[in-house]
């Protein structure tokens, strides 16, 4: 589930980057997505 959240945040970041809708706040979304991905990668847990 954590991976799906990270992927969703990355998609939102890409949409915001293309449209410029959220401005600078979109970079916060990118940082959160990267952190979630790293936590999932480091813990190595398999989520269903």
C-alpha atoms as a PDB file:
ATOM      1  CA  UNK A   1       0.000   0.000   0.000  1.00  0.00           C
ATOM      2  CA  UNK A   2       2.869   2.360   0.747  1.00  0.00           C
ATOM      3  CA  UNK A   3       4.165   1.869  -2.789  1.00  0.00           C
ATOM      4  CA  UNK A   4       0.773   2.826  -4.249  1.00  0.00           C
ATOM      5  CA  UNK A   5       0.778   6.034  -2.227  1.00  0.00           C
ATOM      6  CA  UNK A   6       4.281   6.875  -3.420  1.00  0.00           C
ATOM      7  CA  UNK A   7       3.321   6.186  -7.049  1.00  0.00           C
ATOM      8  CA  UNK A   8       0.190   8.297  -6.658  1.00  0.00           C
ATOM      9  CA  UNK A   9       2.221  11.187  -5.259  1.00  0.00           C
ATOM     10  CA  UNK A  10       4.709  10.910  -8.113  1.00  0.00           C
ATOM     11  CA  UNK A  11       1.868  11.038 -10.643  1.00  0.00           C
ATOM     12  CA  UNK A  12       0.425  14.101  -8.928  1.00  0.00           C
ATOM     13  CA  UNK A  13       3.871  15.682  -8.961  1.00  0.00           C
ATOM     14  CA  UNK A  14       4.252  15.061 -12.682  1.00  0.00           C
ATOM     15  CA  UNK A  15       0.798  16.510 -13.365  1.00  0.00           C
ATOM     16  CA  UNK A  16       1.618  19.565 -11.269  1.00  0.00           C
ATOM     17  CA  UNK A  17       4.967  19.951 -13.002  1.00  0.00           C
ATOM     18  CA  UNK A  18       3.319  19.883 -16.422  1.00  0.00           C
ATOM     19  CA  UNK A  19       0.393  22.157 -15.604  1.00  0.00           C
ATOM     20  CA  UNK A  20       2.081  24.341 -12.995  1.00  0.00           C
ATOM     21  CA  UNK A  21      -1.191  24.262 -11.069  1.00  0.00           C
ATOM     22  CA  UNK A  22       0.216  23.934  -7.571  1.00  0.00           C
ATOM     23  CA  UNK A  23       3.353  25.997  -8.100  1.00  0.00           C
ATOM     24  CA  UNK A  24       6.206  25.446  -5.655  1.00  0.00           C
ATOM     25  CA  UNK A  25       4.145  23.276  -3.293  1.00  0.00           C
ATOM     26  CA  UNK A  26       4.409  20.394  -5.751  1.00  0.00           C
ATOM     27  CA  UNK A  27       8.036  19.877  -4.744  1.00  0.00           C
ATOM     28  CA  UNK A  28       6.842  18.968  -1.249  1.00  0.00           C
ATOM     29  CA  UNK A  29       4.771  16.202  -2.848  1.00  0.00           C
ATOM     30  CA  UNK A  30       7.885  14.968  -4.648  1.00  0.00           C
ATOM     31  CA  UNK A  31       9.896  14.870  -1.420  1.00  0.00           C
ATOM     32  CA  UNK A  32       7.120  12.949   0.370  1.00  0.00           C
ATOM     33  CA  UNK A  33       6.902  10.434  -2.499  1.00  0.00           C
ATOM     34  CA  UNK A  34      10.664   9.869  -2.487  1.00  0.00           C
ATOM     35  CA  UNK A  35      10.727   9.431   1.297  1.00  0.00           C
ATOM     36  CA  UNK A  36       7.888   6.896   1.175  1.00  0.00           C
ATOM     37  CA  UNK A  37       9.642   4.993  -1.592  1.00  0.00           C
ATOM     38  CA  UNK A  38      12.913   4.902   0.343  1.00  0.00           C
ATOM     39  CA  UNK A  39      11.201   3.760   3.543  1.00  0.00           C
ATOM     40  CA  UNK A  40       9.486   0.962   1.630  1.00  0.00           C
ATOM     41  CA  UNK A  41      12.741   0.007  -0.088  1.00  0.00           C
ATOM     42  CA  UNK A  42      14.823   0.029   3.097  1.00  0.00           C
ATOM     43  CA  UNK A  43      12.340  -1.932   5.182  1.00  0.00           C
ATOM     44  CA  UNK A  44      11.958  -4.476   2.387  1.00  0.00           C
ATOM     45  CA  UNK A  45       8.461  -5.438   3.459  1.00  0.00           C
ATOM     46  CA  UNK A  46       6.157  -6.947   0.910  1.00  0.00           C
ATOM     47  CA  UNK A  47       2.829  -5.123   0.980  1.00  0.00           C
ATOM     48  CA  UNK A  48      -0.301  -6.754  -0.336  1.00  0.00           C
END
